[in-house]
Amino acid sequence: MRVEPDDLLRRMRGRSPAGFAIALHVSFTTPRYLLQAYDAGWLEVYSRKGYVMVDPTVRWGFQNEGSARWSALGLDDPEGVLAAAATQGMPYGVSMATTEGGSRSMASFAHSTREMSDLDVAALWADFRELHRATHGTDRLAPEMHEALRQMSIFLTHA
């Protein structure tokens, strides 16, 4: 049974109540779709300070596959990106990356009150990989699905 991207996003949002960022099908440094559901205040700070250039979750996503909790990634964060995220209500999180079908996707999921459990991580990983697969080769998707994904990307990025 195929799960629709909006259902996957809804489930991932439920497991990451402090928000997420998902970069699907990254080519060089640009994702085909960037879905962000973080608080607008954090998105503004992140953008203004240019954190994407020094974010340990982004660096990890380009260099690895699988998942890593932010508590492990914070050990190599000289610019204090994860500490800044914690002051914005996101002290806990997990980052993920996958490369399938010749395409790389990366994501980070945040929680405000607790470390992500192994069950949370496993469920997010399964949904994230399914979203990667469902959106791979979007040039072959029906035009209405491609447009729906584009609209979700715009909506979630600028929410």
C-alpha atoms as a PDB file:
ATOM      1  CA  MET A   1       0.000   0.000   0.000  1.00  0.00           C
ATOM      2  CA  ARG A   2       1.431   3.352  -1.070  1.00  0.00           C
ATOM      3  CA  VAL A   3       1.392   6.152   1.497  1.00  0.00           C
ATOM      4  CA  GLU A   4       0.899   9.695   0.207  1.00  0.00           C
ATOM      5  CA  PRO A   5       3.583  12.325   0.978  1.00  0.00           C
ATOM      6  CA  ASP A   6       1.176  14.482   2.998  1.00  0.00           C
ATOM      7  CA  ASP A   7       0.353  11.484   5.230  1.00  0.00           C
ATOM      8  CA  LEU A   8       4.068  10.840   5.767  1.00  0.00           C
ATOM      9  CA  LEU A   9       4.656  14.506   6.625  1.00  0.00           C
ATOM     10  CA  ARG A  10       1.746  14.490   9.068  1.00  0.00           C
ATOM     11  CA  ARG A  11       3.157  11.439  10.851  1.00  0.00           C
ATOM     12  CA  MET A  12       6.661  12.919  10.966  1.00  0.00           C
ATOM     13  CA  ARG A  13       5.254  16.173  12.347  1.00  0.00           C
ATOM     14  CA  GLY A  14       3.522  14.198  15.094  1.00  0.00           C
ATOM     15  CA  ARG A  15       6.833  12.661  16.155  1.00  0.00           C
ATOM     16  CA  SER A  16       8.729  15.963  15.966  1.00  0.00           C
ATOM     17  CA  PRO A  17       6.460  18.515  17.650  1.00  0.00           C
ATOM     18  CA  ALA A  18       9.154  21.208  17.643  1.00  0.00           C
ATOM     19  CA  GLY A  19       9.404  21.011  13.845  1.00  0.00           C
ATOM     20  CA  PHE A  20      11.548  19.588  11.109  1.00  0.00           C
ATOM     21  CA  ALA A  21      13.527  20.383   7.985  1.00  0.00           C
ATOM     22  CA  ILE A  22      13.602  17.915   5.109  1.00  0.00           C
ATOM     23  CA  ALA A  23      15.803  18.440   2.052  1.00  0.00           C
ATOM     24  CA  LEU A  24      14.733  15.998  -0.641  1.00  0.00           C
ATOM     25  CA  HIS A  25      16.932  14.967  -3.561  1.00  0.00           C
ATOM     26  CA  VAL A  26      19.866  17.282  -2.987  1.00  0.00           C
ATOM     27  CA  SER A  27      21.898  18.050  -6.084  1.00  0.00           C
ATOM     28  CA  PHE A  28      25.280  19.542  -5.153  1.00  0.00           C
ATOM     29  CA  THR A  29      23.935  21.748  -2.316  1.00  0.00           C
ATOM     30  CA  THR A  30      20.393  22.461  -3.522  1.00  0.00           C
ATOM     31  CA  PRO A  31      17.394  20.281  -2.664  1.00  0.00           C
ATOM     32  CA  ARG A  32      14.630  19.670  -5.164  1.00  0.00           C
ATOM     33  CA  TYR A  33      12.167  20.231  -2.285  1.00  0.00           C
ATOM     34  CA  LEU A  34      12.875  21.887   1.054  1.00  0.00           C
ATOM     35  CA  LEU A  35      10.140  21.278   3.604  1.00  0.00           C
ATOM     36  CA  GLN A  36      10.485  23.212   6.855  1.00  0.00           C
ATOM     37  CA  ALA A  37       8.097  23.138   9.773  1.00  0.00           C
ATOM     38  CA  TYR A  38      10.168  24.930  12.390  1.00  0.00           C
ATOM     39  CA  ASP A  39       8.947  28.006  14.254  1.00  0.00           C
ATOM     40  CA  ALA A  40       9.190  31.170  12.137  1.00  0.00           C
ATOM     41  CA  GLY A  41      11.429  32.789  14.766  1.00  0.00           C
ATOM     42  CA  TRP A  42      14.010  30.012  14.441  1.00  0.00           C
ATOM     43  CA  LEU A  43      13.871  30.123  10.646  1.00  0.00           C
ATOM     44  CA  GLU A  44      14.576  33.876  10.774  1.00  0.00           C
ATOM     45  CA  VAL A  45      17.513  33.468  13.186  1.00  0.00           C
ATOM     46  CA  TYR A  46      18.884  30.525  11.203  1.00  0.00           C
ATOM     47  CA  SER A  47      18.711  32.474   7.955  1.00  0.00           C
ATOM     48  CA  ARG A  48      20.025  35.784   9.319  1.00  0.00           C
ATOM     49  CA  LYS A  49      23.044  34.130  10.957  1.00  0.00           C
ATOM     50  CA  GLY A  50      23.781  31.920   7.932  1.00  0.00           C
ATOM     51  CA  TYR A  51      23.740  28.802  10.096  1.00  0.00           C
ATOM     52  CA  VAL A  52      23.317  26.468   7.121  1.00  0.00           C
ATOM     53  CA  MET A  53      27.012  27.002   6.375  1.00  0.00           C
ATOM     54  CA  VAL A  54      28.123  25.787   9.833  1.00  0.00           C
ATOM     55  CA  ASP A  55      25.235  23.574  10.972  1.00  0.00           C
ATOM     56  CA  PRO A  56      26.581  20.235  12.264  1.00  0.00           C
ATOM     57  CA  THR A  57      23.326  18.500  11.253  1.00  0.00           C
ATOM     58  CA  VAL A  58      23.777  19.615   7.647  1.00  0.00           C
ATOM     59  CA  ARG A  59      27.469  18.681   7.638  1.00  0.00           C
ATOM     60  CA  TRP A  60      26.600  15.268   9.100  1.00  0.00           C
ATOM     61  CA  GLY A  61      23.870  14.760   6.475  1.00  0.00           C
ATOM     62  CA  PHE A  62      26.308  15.329   3.621  1.00  0.00           C
ATOM     63  CA  GLN A  63      28.894  12.957   5.086  1.00  0.00           C
ATOM     64  CA  ASN A  64      26.799  10.097   6.473  1.00  0.00           C
ATOM     65  CA  GLU A  65      23.792   7.865   6.043  1.00  0.00           C
ATOM     66  CA  GLY A  66      21.459   6.681   8.768  1.00  0.00           C
ATOM     67  CA  SER A  67      20.543   8.688  11.838  1.00  0.00           C
ATOM     68  CA  ALA A  68      22.268  10.592  14.636  1.00  0.00           C
ATOM     69  CA  ARG A  69      20.823  12.316  17.679  1.00  0.00           C
ATOM     70  CA  TRP A  70      21.691  15.969  18.099  1.00  0.00           C
ATOM     71  CA  SER A  71      23.196  15.192  21.493  1.00  0.00           C
ATOM     72  CA  ALA A  72      25.967  13.313  19.645  1.00  0.00           C
ATOM     73  CA  LEU A  73      26.355  15.966  16.932  1.00  0.00           C
ATOM     74  CA  GLY A  74      26.644  18.806  19.449  1.00  0.00           C
ATOM     75  CA  LEU A  75      30.160  17.691  20.302  1.00  0.00           C
ATOM     76  CA  ASP A  76      31.348  19.175  16.980  1.00  0.00           C
ATOM     77  CA  ASP A  77      29.443  22.466  16.884  1.00  0.00           C
ATOM     78  CA  PRO A  78      31.962  25.310  17.285  1.00  0.00           C
ATOM     79  CA  GLU A  79      29.455  27.936  16.089  1.00  0.00           C
ATOM     80  CA  GLY A  80      26.839  26.857  18.638  1.00  0.00           C
ATOM     81  CA  VAL A  81      24.029  26.140  16.179  1.00  0.00           C
ATOM     82  CA  LEU A  82      22.492  23.394  18.321  1.00  0.00           C
ATOM     83  CA  ALA A  83      22.818  25.517  21.480  1.00  0.00           C
ATOM     84  CA  ALA A  84      20.988  28.311  19.642  1.00  0.00           C
ATOM     85  CA  ALA A  85      18.299  25.828  18.566  1.00  0.00           C
ATOM     86  CA  ALA A  86      17.877  24.813  22.212  1.00  0.00           C
ATOM     87  CA  THR A  87      17.229  28.434  23.199  1.00  0.00           C
ATOM     88  CA  GLN A  88      14.484  28.470  20.543  1.00  0.00           C
ATOM     89  CA  GLY A  89      12.695  25.486  22.107  1.00  0.00           C
ATOM     90  CA  MET A  90      14.488  22.691  20.262  1.00  0.00           C
ATOM     91  CA  PRO A  91      16.974  21.121  22.670  1.00  0.00           C
ATOM     92  CA  TYR A  92      16.513  17.599  21.310  1.00  0.00           C
ATOM     93  CA  GLY A  93      16.501  16.161  17.842  1.00  0.00           C
ATOM     94  CA  VAL A  94      17.681  13.625  15.362  1.00  0.00           C
ATOM     95  CA  SER A  95      19.190  14.042  11.902  1.00  0.00           C
ATOM     96  CA  MET A  96      18.922  11.561   9.059  1.00  0.00           C
ATOM     97  CA  ALA A  97      20.359  11.045   5.610  1.00  0.00           C
ATOM     98  CA  THR A  98      19.788   8.489   2.896  1.00  0.00           C
ATOM     99  CA  THR A  99      21.104   7.894  -0.582  1.00  0.00           C
ATOM    100  CA  GLU A 100      18.946   5.664  -2.729  1.00  0.00           C
ATOM    101  CA  GLY A 101      18.529   5.567  -6.467  1.00  0.00           C
ATOM    102  CA  GLY A 102      21.468   7.916  -6.935  1.00  0.00           C
ATOM    103  CA  SER A 103      19.807  10.691  -4.925  1.00  0.00           C
ATOM    104  CA  ARG A 104      20.567  12.040  -1.432  1.00  0.00           C
ATOM    105  CA  SER A 105      17.977  13.368   0.998  1.00  0.00           C
ATOM    106  CA  MET A 106      18.574  14.755   4.492  1.00  0.00           C
ATOM    107  CA  ALA A 107      16.341  15.711   7.401  1.00  0.00           C
ATOM    108  CA  SER A 108      16.348  16.911  10.980  1.00  0.00           C
ATOM    109  CA  PHE A 109      13.487  16.446  13.430  1.00  0.00           C
ATOM    110  CA  ALA A 110      13.185  18.369  16.713  1.00  0.00           C
ATOM    111  CA  HIS A 111      11.545  17.772  20.065  1.00  0.00           C
ATOM    112  CA  SER A 112      11.140  20.327  22.823  1.00  0.00           C
ATOM    113  CA  THR A 113      10.804  18.142  25.917  1.00  0.00           C
ATOM    114  CA  ARG A 114      12.760  14.915  25.513  1.00  0.00           C
ATOM    115  CA  GLU A 115      15.368  12.978  23.598  1.00  0.00           C
ATOM    116  CA  MET A 116      13.871  11.036  20.708  1.00  0.00           C
ATOM    117  CA  SER A 117      13.241   7.418  21.706  1.00  0.00           C
ATOM    118  CA  ASP A 118      14.518   4.514  19.631  1.00  0.00           C
ATOM    119  CA  LEU A 119      10.903   3.946  18.558  1.00  0.00           C
ATOM    120  CA  ASP A 120      10.598   7.592  17.429  1.00  0.00           C
ATOM    121  CA  VAL A 121      13.848   7.358  15.480  1.00  0.00           C
ATOM    122  CA  ALA A 122      12.841   4.083  13.795  1.00  0.00           C
ATOM    123  CA  ALA A 123       9.420   5.442  12.795  1.00  0.00           C
ATOM    124  CA  LEU A 124      10.871   8.727  11.513  1.00  0.00           C
ATOM    125  CA  TRP A 125      13.530   6.813   9.573  1.00  0.00           C
ATOM    126  CA  ALA A 126      10.918   4.591   7.908  1.00  0.00           C
ATOM    127  CA  ASP A 127       8.701   7.555   6.965  1.00  0.00           C
ATOM    128  CA  PHE A 128      11.649   9.675   5.819  1.00  0.00           C
ATOM    129  CA  ARG A 129      12.936   6.908   3.539  1.00  0.00           C
ATOM    130  CA  GLU A 130       9.424   6.350   2.181  1.00  0.00           C
ATOM    131  CA  LEU A 131       9.119  10.088   1.439  1.00  0.00           C
ATOM    132  CA  HIS A 132      12.493   9.972  -0.330  1.00  0.00           C
ATOM    133  CA  ARG A 133      11.314   7.041  -2.461  1.00  0.00           C
ATOM    134  CA  ALA A 134       7.865   8.536  -3.133  1.00  0.00           C
ATOM    135  CA  THR A 135       9.398  11.770  -4.433  1.00  0.00           C
ATOM    136  CA  HIS A 136      12.323  10.254  -6.341  1.00  0.00           C
ATOM    137  CA  GLY A 137      12.186  10.898 -10.054  1.00  0.00           C
ATOM    138  CA  THR A 138       9.518  13.560  -9.659  1.00  0.00           C
ATOM    139  CA  ASP A 139       9.917  14.334 -13.339  1.00  0.00           C
ATOM    140  CA  ARG A 140       8.089  11.021 -13.855  1.00  0.00           C
ATOM    141  CA  LEU A 141       5.326  11.800 -11.342  1.00  0.00           C
ATOM    142  CA  ALA A 142       1.919  12.907 -12.474  1.00  0.00           C
ATOM    143  CA  PRO A 143       1.868  16.695 -12.906  1.00  0.00           C
ATOM    144  CA  GLU A 144      -0.703  17.105 -10.111  1.00  0.00           C
ATOM    145  CA  MET A 145       1.526  15.227  -7.616  1.00  0.00           C
ATOM    146  CA  HIS A 146       4.540  17.304  -8.608  1.00  0.00           C
ATOM    147  CA  GLU A 147       2.504  20.492  -8.139  1.00  0.00           C
ATOM    148  CA  ALA A 148       1.189  19.304  -4.758  1.00  0.00           C
ATOM    149  CA  LEU A 149       4.759  18.663  -3.593  1.00  0.00           C
ATOM    150  CA  ARG A 150       5.859  22.052  -4.867  1.00  0.00           C
ATOM    151  CA  GLN A 151       3.011  23.717  -2.987  1.00  0.00           C
ATOM    152  CA  MET A 152       3.829  21.789   0.210  1.00  0.00           C
ATOM    153  CA  SER A 153       7.427  22.899  -0.155  1.00  0.00           C
ATOM    154  CA  ILE A 154       6.402  26.541  -0.437  1.00  0.00           C
ATOM    155  CA  PHE A 155       3.836  26.307   2.352  1.00  0.00           C
ATOM    156  CA  LEU A 156       6.016  24.472   4.827  1.00  0.00           C
ATOM    157  CA  THR A 157       9.100  26.558   4.083  1.00  0.00           C
ATOM    158  CA  HIS A 158       7.259  29.825   4.603  1.00  0.00           C
ATOM    159  CA  ALA A 159       4.741  28.828   7.285  1.00  0.00           C
END
